[in-house]
Structures are given as C-alpha cells and as structure tokens.
Amino acid sequence: MTMRELDAAGITDPALRAAYTRCRELNARHGRTYFLATRLLTPDRRPAVHALYGFARWADDIVDSLDSDAGPQERARALDRLDDDLARGLARGSGAEPVVRALADTARRHAVEHRHFADFLASMRSDLTVTSYATYDDLRGYMHGSAAVIGLQMLPVLGTVTSRQEAAPHAAELGIAFQLTNFLRDVGEDLDRGRVYLPQDLLDCHGAHRELLCHGRDTGRTDRRVTAALREFESLTRAAYRRAAPGIAMLAPDSRPCIRTAFVLYGGILDAVAATGYAVLHRRAAVPRRRRAVVAADGLLRVAAARLAARRTSAGPPAPAGPATPGPLPLTRPHVRPEEVA
C-alpha cells in the first residue's frame, strides 16, 4: 500500500520514497488514532500527511522521550541540529534526516508556509525549560506553535471549498482541541517529565496543586479537588471542539471523512477519561476497540459516498434512464469493504 500511495502522489525518487516511508512508519507506530483516520484520505494525499506527522513526532521525541537519558542541554543541541537541518532542507529541498527530506518535499509540493515549522520548533524548545502555565491564555500561546500550526500545515494538503483564510481558524482550533485532549489523557505521564499543562489558575480555583497531582500519581488515588479541576479542563477542551467543528464542512469533500473520523475518535478519548472517573494520573484512557471500528466503518461509508459524488460530478448530468435501468445502490449500504476505498 505504501508504494501505491507514493505512486499516486507522484513521488518517484528512491531516496525520497524511502524518506516518506520512514514517516509513514512513525505515524503507524505512534499515532494509532491519527493513522487510522489518515487511511480515509485519497492515496495521493497520505504521504504528505505522513511527512507532517513524522517530522512533528521526531521533534517531539527529542524533547519528550522517556526512553532517553539525555538531559535538557543535550536535547536542546539535538533540537538545534534538527532546526538547522530543516532550514537547509526547506532552502534546498533536501535534508540529512529522512523526516526533513520528506517534510521539505511536502512543503514545496503543497506550498506550506515555512513559518509554521519555525513556530512549531519554538514551542518544542520551550518544553525544555517551561514546566507549567499560569493561565489558560498562556497555555494557548504555547499551543499556537505546538498544535494550532499543525492544523494550518494540513490545510493545503487537505484542500478547501472556501478560502484558506476562512478555514484556517477552525483548522488551528482543531489542532488545539486534539492537544488539549492529549494533555488531559496524559496528565500522569507529563508529571513524569516534570510538566503540568493544567493551568495554575484552574488548579488554584479548585484547591489543587502540583504536589496533590504528584501524590495521586504515586498512590494511584485521585483527590476530589483534582477531579474537579480535570472536569473543568475537559469542559475547556470540548469548547475547543465546538469551535473547530464548522471547519470540517469547509474542507474538500474527499478529505472530510478523515478529519471527521479523527474528530470523533479524539473526542471519544474525553468520554473515556470521564468514564474512568478522571483517573488519568495513573491510567491512560483509550477509546474501546469496538467503538474505533464503528467510527472507522462510518468513515469508509463517507469516503465511498464522497468518491461516488465526485465521479457523478465529473461525468456530467446523467442520461435519462429507461424503464429497465436499475436505480443506484443506497449510500448507507453496510457491507462496503475497506479495500474498496483504500
């Protein structure tokens, strides 16, 4: 399937194909929900999305990996090397790292604004020194670079039926909604990294504090004050999803099933967190496999409908049907197979 995607995208250079394949592997291994949604895109769009994800994942691992003994200074030097490689790659269309080669090619093909990558790396760099945020506005300032720009990078790849300027705020907000979801799900893991993304003023409002979070992480117990703060953070996250939702209809029709699927699955993580009683300090909430399968099947049906509509549009007005001509199959037909839309 990888070769078919690369062929569809017109990527022929062997070294570049290998770079995109590496990005796809990173997406498949680390971004289960994101990768599942990406499968609903047309094959020609998938390599670019893999490149955007692969680069972001590579940088994030430099900063956040718990499997590395590297200290802040060593991580900063690694991030500086990646930044230098990216600058050369965007200027020359190449790069030392496979993720940079693929990203530079994607940026060129889809005219992705380079400033989005600079903003992203600036937020990654801040993670090396910043361990908390005083207010929600401060957190959103960080998320502009760490999450909003990811949505903005995706827009030219996905395509829009409105102007990109009109769709951009919703795309940025969806990136923020996804990251807020991750913050809520990963409170315990982030504590292990020495970070708290729950705004301090939100914690203070409920009488919670970092030491209380750490106690819950160590003991496996969730204090009611922490639960109240987590519940409010969930409300902030759901509000971000509501602001992002109108943007899905602004995307190209054959890109909407992918983003809608990601929207529903990531939103489902919030439901899973609530179902555990907000026990995120010592448990990682996940959308049940059956629910994932149902949402993916719905996405496949929407892909089939979008492609059928596109074929009808390109074919022009249908000829008048004779009495023996059968009518079209209903679009809600339940036995659409994945390979039919892959």
Protein backbone atom coordinates (compact mmCIF):
# COMPACT_ATOMS: atom_id res chain seq x y z
CA MET A 1 0.00 0.00 0.00
CA THR A 2 2.91 2.38 0.68
CA MET A 3 4.12 2.09 -2.91
CA ARG A 4 0.63 2.80 -4.23
CA GLU A 5 0.41 5.95 -2.11
CA LEU A 6 3.80 7.18 -3.30
CA ASP A 7 2.93 6.44 -6.92
CA ALA A 8 -0.38 8.30 -6.57
CA ALA A 9 1.45 11.32 -5.12
CA GLY A 10 3.96 11.33 -7.97
CA ILE A 11 6.94 10.67 -5.69
CA THR A 12 9.45 8.76 -7.82
CA ASP A 13 12.93 9.44 -6.44
CA PRO A 14 14.08 6.32 -4.49
CA ALA A 15 15.69 8.25 -1.62
CA LEU A 16 12.61 10.44 -1.26
CA ARG A 17 10.32 7.43 -1.33
CA ALA A 18 12.38 5.90 1.49
CA ALA A 19 12.07 9.14 3.48
CA TYR A 20 8.28 9.19 3.12
CA THR A 21 8.13 5.52 4.04
CA ARG A 22 10.01 6.27 7.25
CA CYS A 23 7.46 8.97 8.12
CA ARG A 24 4.63 6.55 7.46
CA GLU A 25 6.22 4.04 9.82
CA LEU A 26 6.40 6.66 12.57
CA ASN A 27 2.73 7.51 12.05
CA ALA A 28 1.65 3.86 12.10
CA ARG A 29 3.67 3.09 15.24
CA HIS A 30 2.92 6.12 17.38
CA GLY A 31 -0.29 7.72 16.10
CA ARG A 32 -2.90 4.98 16.19
CA THR A 33 -5.93 7.25 16.03
CA TYR A 34 -4.29 9.66 13.59
CA PHE A 35 -3.04 6.87 11.34
CA LEU A 36 -6.45 5.20 11.24
CA ALA A 37 -8.04 8.48 10.14
CA THR A 38 -5.30 9.04 7.55
CA ARG A 39 -6.27 5.78 5.85
CA LEU A 40 -9.51 7.51 4.82
CA LEU A 41 -7.69 10.07 2.68
CA THR A 42 -7.16 9.58 -1.02
CA PRO A 43 -3.82 7.78 -1.56
CA ASP A 44 -2.17 10.82 -3.18
CA ARG A 45 -2.72 12.91 -0.02
CA ARG A 46 -1.46 10.38 2.51
CA PRO A 47 2.33 10.74 2.02
CA ALA A 48 2.20 14.47 2.77
CA VAL A 49 0.22 13.88 5.96
CA HIS A 50 2.70 11.19 6.99
CA ALA A 51 5.56 13.64 6.39
CA LEU A 52 3.95 16.32 8.55
CA TYR A 53 3.26 13.82 11.33
CA GLY A 54 6.68 12.17 11.04
CA PHE A 55 8.56 15.43 11.46
CA ALA A 56 6.41 16.53 14.39
CA ARG A 57 6.85 13.15 16.07
CA TRP A 58 10.61 13.22 15.54
CA ALA A 59 10.93 16.63 17.18
CA ASP A 60 8.56 15.69 19.98
CA ASP A 61 10.60 12.59 20.79
CA ILE A 62 13.77 14.65 21.03
CA VAL A 63 12.10 16.75 23.70
CA ASP A 64 9.86 14.25 25.47
CA SER A 65 11.08 10.67 25.12
CA LEU A 66 11.18 8.92 28.48
CA ASP A 67 13.37 6.19 26.96
CA SER A 68 16.36 8.56 26.69
CA ASP A 69 18.74 9.56 29.48
CA ALA A 70 19.61 12.79 27.65
CA GLY A 71 19.45 15.92 29.77
CA PRO A 72 17.94 19.28 28.78
CA GLN A 73 21.19 20.60 27.26
CA GLU A 74 21.73 17.51 25.13
CA ARG A 75 18.10 17.60 23.98
CA ALA A 76 18.48 21.30 23.15
CA ARG A 77 21.53 20.58 21.00
CA ALA A 78 19.64 17.80 19.19
CA LEU A 79 16.75 20.18 18.57
CA ASP A 80 19.18 22.82 17.26
CA ARG A 81 20.63 20.27 14.82
CA LEU A 82 17.14 19.42 13.62
CA ASP A 83 16.33 23.13 13.24
CA ASP A 84 19.49 23.69 11.17
CA ASP A 85 18.74 20.63 9.04
CA LEU A 86 15.21 21.89 8.45
CA ALA A 87 16.42 25.37 7.41
CA ARG A 88 18.78 23.82 4.86
CA GLY A 89 16.14 21.35 3.75
CA LEU A 90 13.49 23.98 3.11
CA ALA A 91 16.01 26.09 1.21
CA ARG A 92 17.48 23.27 -0.89
CA GLY A 93 14.69 20.70 -0.94
CA SER A 94 16.72 18.07 0.90
CA GLY A 95 17.92 17.25 4.42
CA ALA A 96 20.13 14.91 6.43
CA GLU A 97 17.23 13.32 8.34
CA PRO A 98 14.61 11.35 6.37
CA VAL A 99 11.81 13.25 8.15
CA VAL A 100 13.33 16.54 6.99
CA ARG A 101 13.68 15.36 3.38
CA ALA A 102 10.04 14.30 3.29
CA LEU A 103 8.86 17.48 5.02
CA ALA A 104 10.82 19.76 2.68
CA ASP A 105 9.33 17.98 -0.33
CA THR A 106 5.81 18.23 1.13
CA ALA A 107 6.25 21.94 1.88
CA ARG A 108 7.33 22.53 -1.72
CA ARG A 109 4.55 20.47 -3.32
CA HIS A 110 1.75 21.95 -1.22
CA ALA A 111 3.09 25.47 -0.59
CA VAL A 112 3.03 25.04 3.19
CA GLU A 113 4.18 28.26 4.88
CA HIS A 114 7.62 27.81 6.42
CA ARG A 115 6.79 29.98 9.42
CA HIS A 116 4.52 27.21 10.73
CA PHE A 117 7.55 24.95 11.16
CA ALA A 118 9.51 27.70 12.92
CA ASP A 119 6.61 28.29 15.33
CA PHE A 120 6.38 24.56 16.00
CA LEU A 121 10.05 24.20 16.86
CA ALA A 122 9.86 27.28 19.11
CA SER A 123 7.18 25.58 21.21
CA MET A 124 9.18 22.34 21.28
CA ARG A 125 12.16 24.30 22.56
CA SER A 126 10.10 25.89 25.31
CA ASP A 127 9.24 22.41 26.63
CA LEU A 128 12.88 22.07 27.64
CA THR A 129 12.58 24.86 30.22
CA VAL A 130 8.90 25.63 30.86
CA THR A 131 7.19 23.22 33.26
CA SER A 132 3.87 24.96 33.96
CA TYR A 133 1.49 27.66 32.70
CA ALA A 134 -0.09 30.30 34.88
CA THR A 135 -3.30 30.76 32.86
CA TYR A 136 -5.25 29.13 30.06
CA ASP A 137 -4.29 32.04 27.80
CA ASP A 138 -0.63 31.28 28.49
CA LEU A 139 -1.22 27.64 27.60
CA ARG A 140 -2.93 28.61 24.35
CA GLY A 141 0.06 30.77 23.49
CA TYR A 142 2.25 27.68 23.74
CA MET A 143 -0.28 25.61 21.77
CA HIS A 144 -0.19 28.01 18.85
CA GLY A 145 3.19 26.52 17.96
CA SER A 146 2.71 23.01 19.28
CA ALA A 147 -0.77 22.31 17.90
CA ALA A 148 -2.54 25.11 16.00
CA VAL A 149 0.16 25.28 13.33
CA ILE A 150 -0.25 21.53 12.70
CA GLY A 151 -3.82 22.21 11.59
CA LEU A 152 -2.60 25.09 9.44
CA GLN A 153 0.06 22.89 7.82
CA MET A 154 -2.62 20.33 6.96
CA LEU A 155 -4.98 22.73 5.19
CA PRO A 156 -3.18 22.95 1.83
CA VAL A 157 -2.83 19.16 1.78
CA LEU A 158 -6.49 18.50 2.55
CA GLY A 159 -7.87 21.21 0.29
CA THR A 160 -10.82 23.51 0.97
CA VAL A 161 -14.05 24.57 -0.70
CA THR A 162 -13.79 28.00 0.90
CA SER A 163 -10.83 30.33 1.06
CA ARG A 164 -7.95 29.02 3.13
CA GLN A 165 -8.20 32.17 5.28
CA GLU A 166 -11.78 31.32 6.23
CA ALA A 167 -10.96 27.72 7.12
CA ALA A 168 -7.71 28.48 8.95
CA PRO A 169 -9.12 29.47 12.39
CA HIS A 170 -11.13 26.24 12.57
CA ALA A 171 -8.15 24.13 11.49
CA ALA A 172 -5.99 25.78 14.13
CA GLU A 173 -8.67 25.23 16.78
CA LEU A 174 -8.93 21.54 15.89
CA GLY A 175 -5.20 21.16 16.41
CA ILE A 176 -5.63 22.79 19.82
CA ALA A 177 -8.61 20.55 20.68
CA PHE A 178 -6.57 17.45 19.87
CA GLN A 179 -3.66 18.60 22.02
CA LEU A 180 -5.88 19.56 24.94
CA THR A 181 -7.27 16.03 24.72
CA ASN A 182 -3.76 14.63 24.89
CA PHE A 183 -2.94 16.86 27.87
CA LEU A 184 -5.97 15.56 29.76
CA ARG A 185 -5.26 11.93 28.89
CA ASP A 186 -1.53 12.20 29.69
CA VAL A 187 -1.52 14.18 32.96
CA GLY A 188 0.32 11.37 34.74
CA GLU A 189 2.93 10.84 32.02
CA ASP A 190 3.59 14.57 31.79
CA LEU A 191 4.19 14.65 35.54
CA ASP A 192 6.92 12.05 34.98
CA ARG A 193 8.52 14.57 32.62
CA GLY A 194 8.26 17.27 35.26
CA ARG A 195 5.50 19.18 33.47
CA VAL A 196 1.95 20.24 34.30
CA TYR A 197 -0.17 21.51 31.41
CA LEU A 198 -3.24 22.15 33.56
CA PRO A 199 -3.19 25.95 34.05
CA GLN A 200 -2.22 27.00 37.55
CA ASP A 201 -5.19 29.34 37.94
CA LEU A 202 -7.54 26.47 37.08
CA LEU A 203 -5.88 24.25 39.70
CA ASP A 204 -5.97 27.06 42.27
CA CYS A 205 -9.68 27.59 41.67
CA HIS A 206 -10.34 24.04 42.88
CA GLY A 207 -7.76 23.97 45.67
CA ALA A 208 -5.49 21.62 43.75
CA HIS A 209 -1.72 21.95 43.24
CA ARG A 210 1.25 20.13 41.75
CA GLU A 211 2.04 18.26 44.99
CA LEU A 212 -1.51 16.90 45.05
CA LEU A 213 -1.10 15.72 41.46
CA CYS A 214 2.20 14.04 42.30
CA HIS A 215 0.62 12.35 45.33
CA GLY A 216 -2.11 10.95 43.12
CA ARG A 217 0.46 9.74 40.62
CA ASP A 218 2.42 7.99 43.35
CA THR A 219 -0.52 6.45 45.22
CA GLY A 220 -2.99 5.72 42.43
CA ARG A 221 -5.64 7.84 44.11
CA THR A 222 -7.40 10.87 42.67
CA ASP A 223 -8.35 13.63 45.10
CA ARG A 224 -11.79 15.20 44.58
CA ARG A 225 -10.11 18.60 44.12
CA VAL A 226 -8.02 17.22 41.29
CA THR A 227 -11.10 15.58 39.78
CA ALA A 228 -12.93 18.91 39.78
CA ALA A 229 -10.00 20.59 38.03
CA LEU A 230 -9.82 17.82 35.44
CA ARG A 231 -13.56 18.09 34.81
CA GLU A 232 -13.24 21.82 34.14
CA PHE A 233 -10.29 21.19 31.83
CA GLU A 234 -12.48 18.72 29.95
CA SER A 235 -15.09 21.46 29.52
CA LEU A 236 -12.47 23.80 28.05
CA THR A 237 -11.44 21.03 25.64
CA ARG A 238 -15.00 20.34 24.50
CA ALA A 239 -15.45 24.06 23.83
CA ALA A 240 -12.42 23.90 21.51
CA TYR A 241 -14.04 21.04 19.59
CA ARG A 242 -17.21 23.09 19.18
CA ARG A 243 -15.22 26.00 17.75
CA ALA A 244 -13.38 23.66 15.38
CA ALA A 245 -16.42 21.73 14.12
CA PRO A 246 -17.62 24.18 11.41
CA GLY A 247 -14.28 23.81 9.64
CA ILE A 248 -14.93 20.21 8.59
CA ALA A 249 -17.54 21.30 6.02
CA MET A 250 -15.00 23.79 4.61
CA LEU A 251 -12.61 21.00 3.59
CA ALA A 252 -12.53 19.29 0.22
CA PRO A 253 -15.30 16.64 0.24
CA ASP A 254 -12.94 13.68 -0.04
CA SER A 255 -10.90 14.93 2.94
CA ARG A 256 -13.84 15.39 5.29
CA PRO A 257 -14.26 11.70 6.29
CA CYS A 258 -10.66 11.60 7.52
CA ILE A 259 -10.94 14.70 9.68
CA ARG A 260 -14.41 13.83 10.90
CA THR A 261 -13.16 10.40 11.99
CA ALA A 262 -10.24 11.95 13.86
CA PHE A 263 -12.66 14.49 15.37
CA VAL A 264 -14.98 11.75 16.67
CA LEU A 265 -12.22 9.41 17.89
CA TYR A 266 -10.26 12.09 19.72
CA GLY A 267 -13.48 13.39 21.23
CA GLY A 268 -14.14 9.83 22.34
CA ILE A 269 -10.99 9.99 24.47
CA LEU A 270 -12.74 12.64 26.56
CA ASP A 271 -15.64 10.24 27.07
CA ALA A 272 -13.18 7.51 28.08
CA VAL A 273 -11.49 9.83 30.59
CA ALA A 274 -14.84 10.69 32.17
CA ALA A 275 -15.81 7.00 32.24
CA THR A 276 -12.74 6.21 34.37
CA GLY A 277 -13.71 8.89 36.90
CA TYR A 278 -10.87 11.11 35.65
CA ALA A 279 -8.28 8.60 36.86
CA VAL A 280 -5.72 9.93 34.38
CA LEU A 281 -2.98 10.30 36.97
CA HIS A 282 -2.39 6.57 36.92
CA ARG A 283 -4.31 5.24 33.91
CA ARG A 284 -4.24 6.06 30.19
CA ALA A 285 -7.78 6.29 28.86
CA ALA A 286 -8.43 4.89 25.38
CA VAL A 287 -11.38 4.59 23.02
CA PRO A 288 -12.61 0.96 23.07
CA ARG A 289 -11.62 -1.06 20.00
CA ARG A 290 -15.25 -1.74 19.08
CA ARG A 291 -16.01 2.00 19.09
CA ARG A 292 -12.96 2.66 16.94
CA ALA A 293 -14.16 0.05 14.44
CA VAL A 294 -17.66 1.55 14.27
CA VAL A 295 -16.31 5.07 13.67
CA ALA A 296 -13.86 3.79 11.05
CA ALA A 297 -16.66 1.94 9.24
CA ASP A 298 -18.73 5.12 9.18
CA GLY A 299 -15.70 6.92 7.75
CA LEU A 300 -15.39 4.31 5.00
CA LEU A 301 -19.03 4.82 4.04
CA ARG A 302 -18.50 8.57 3.88
CA VAL A 303 -15.40 8.08 1.70
CA ALA A 304 -17.40 5.88 -0.66
CA ALA A 305 -20.17 8.49 -0.82
CA ALA A 306 -17.73 11.33 -1.48
CA ARG A 307 -15.97 9.45 -4.28
CA LEU A 308 -19.27 8.42 -5.86
CA ALA A 309 -20.43 12.04 -5.79
CA ALA A 310 -17.14 13.15 -7.36
CA ARG A 311 -17.48 10.60 -10.16
CA ARG A 312 -21.05 11.72 -10.85
CA THR A 313 -19.95 15.35 -10.98
CA SER A 314 -17.08 14.66 -13.36
CA ALA A 315 -19.33 12.56 -15.58
CA GLY A 316 -21.81 15.39 -16.03
CA PRO A 317 -25.62 15.16 -15.91
CA PRO A 318 -26.86 11.56 -16.11
CA ALA A 319 -28.68 10.43 -19.21
CA PRO A 320 -32.40 9.75 -18.81
CA ALA A 321 -32.83 6.20 -17.53
CA GLY A 322 -35.02 3.70 -19.36
CA PRO A 323 -37.53 1.56 -17.51
CA ALA A 324 -35.11 -1.37 -17.23
CA THR A 325 -32.26 0.70 -15.73
CA PRO A 326 -31.72 -0.17 -12.04
CA GLY A 327 -31.52 2.64 -9.53
CA PRO A 328 -28.35 3.47 -7.61
CA LEU A 329 -27.39 1.48 -4.53
CA PRO A 330 -28.08 3.27 -1.24
CA LEU A 331 -25.02 5.01 0.22
CA THR A 332 -25.74 3.53 3.66
CA ARG A 333 -25.11 0.02 2.36
CA PRO A 334 -23.41 -1.70 5.32
CA HIS A 335 -21.05 -4.09 3.54
CA VAL A 336 -18.59 -1.63 1.97
CA ARG A 337 -15.18 -3.29 2.31
CA PRO A 338 -12.03 -1.34 3.29
CA GLU A 339 -10.24 -2.36 0.12
CA GLU A 340 -12.94 -0.67 -1.96
CA VAL A 341 -11.87 2.75 -0.72
CA ALA A 342 -8.21 2.14 0.10
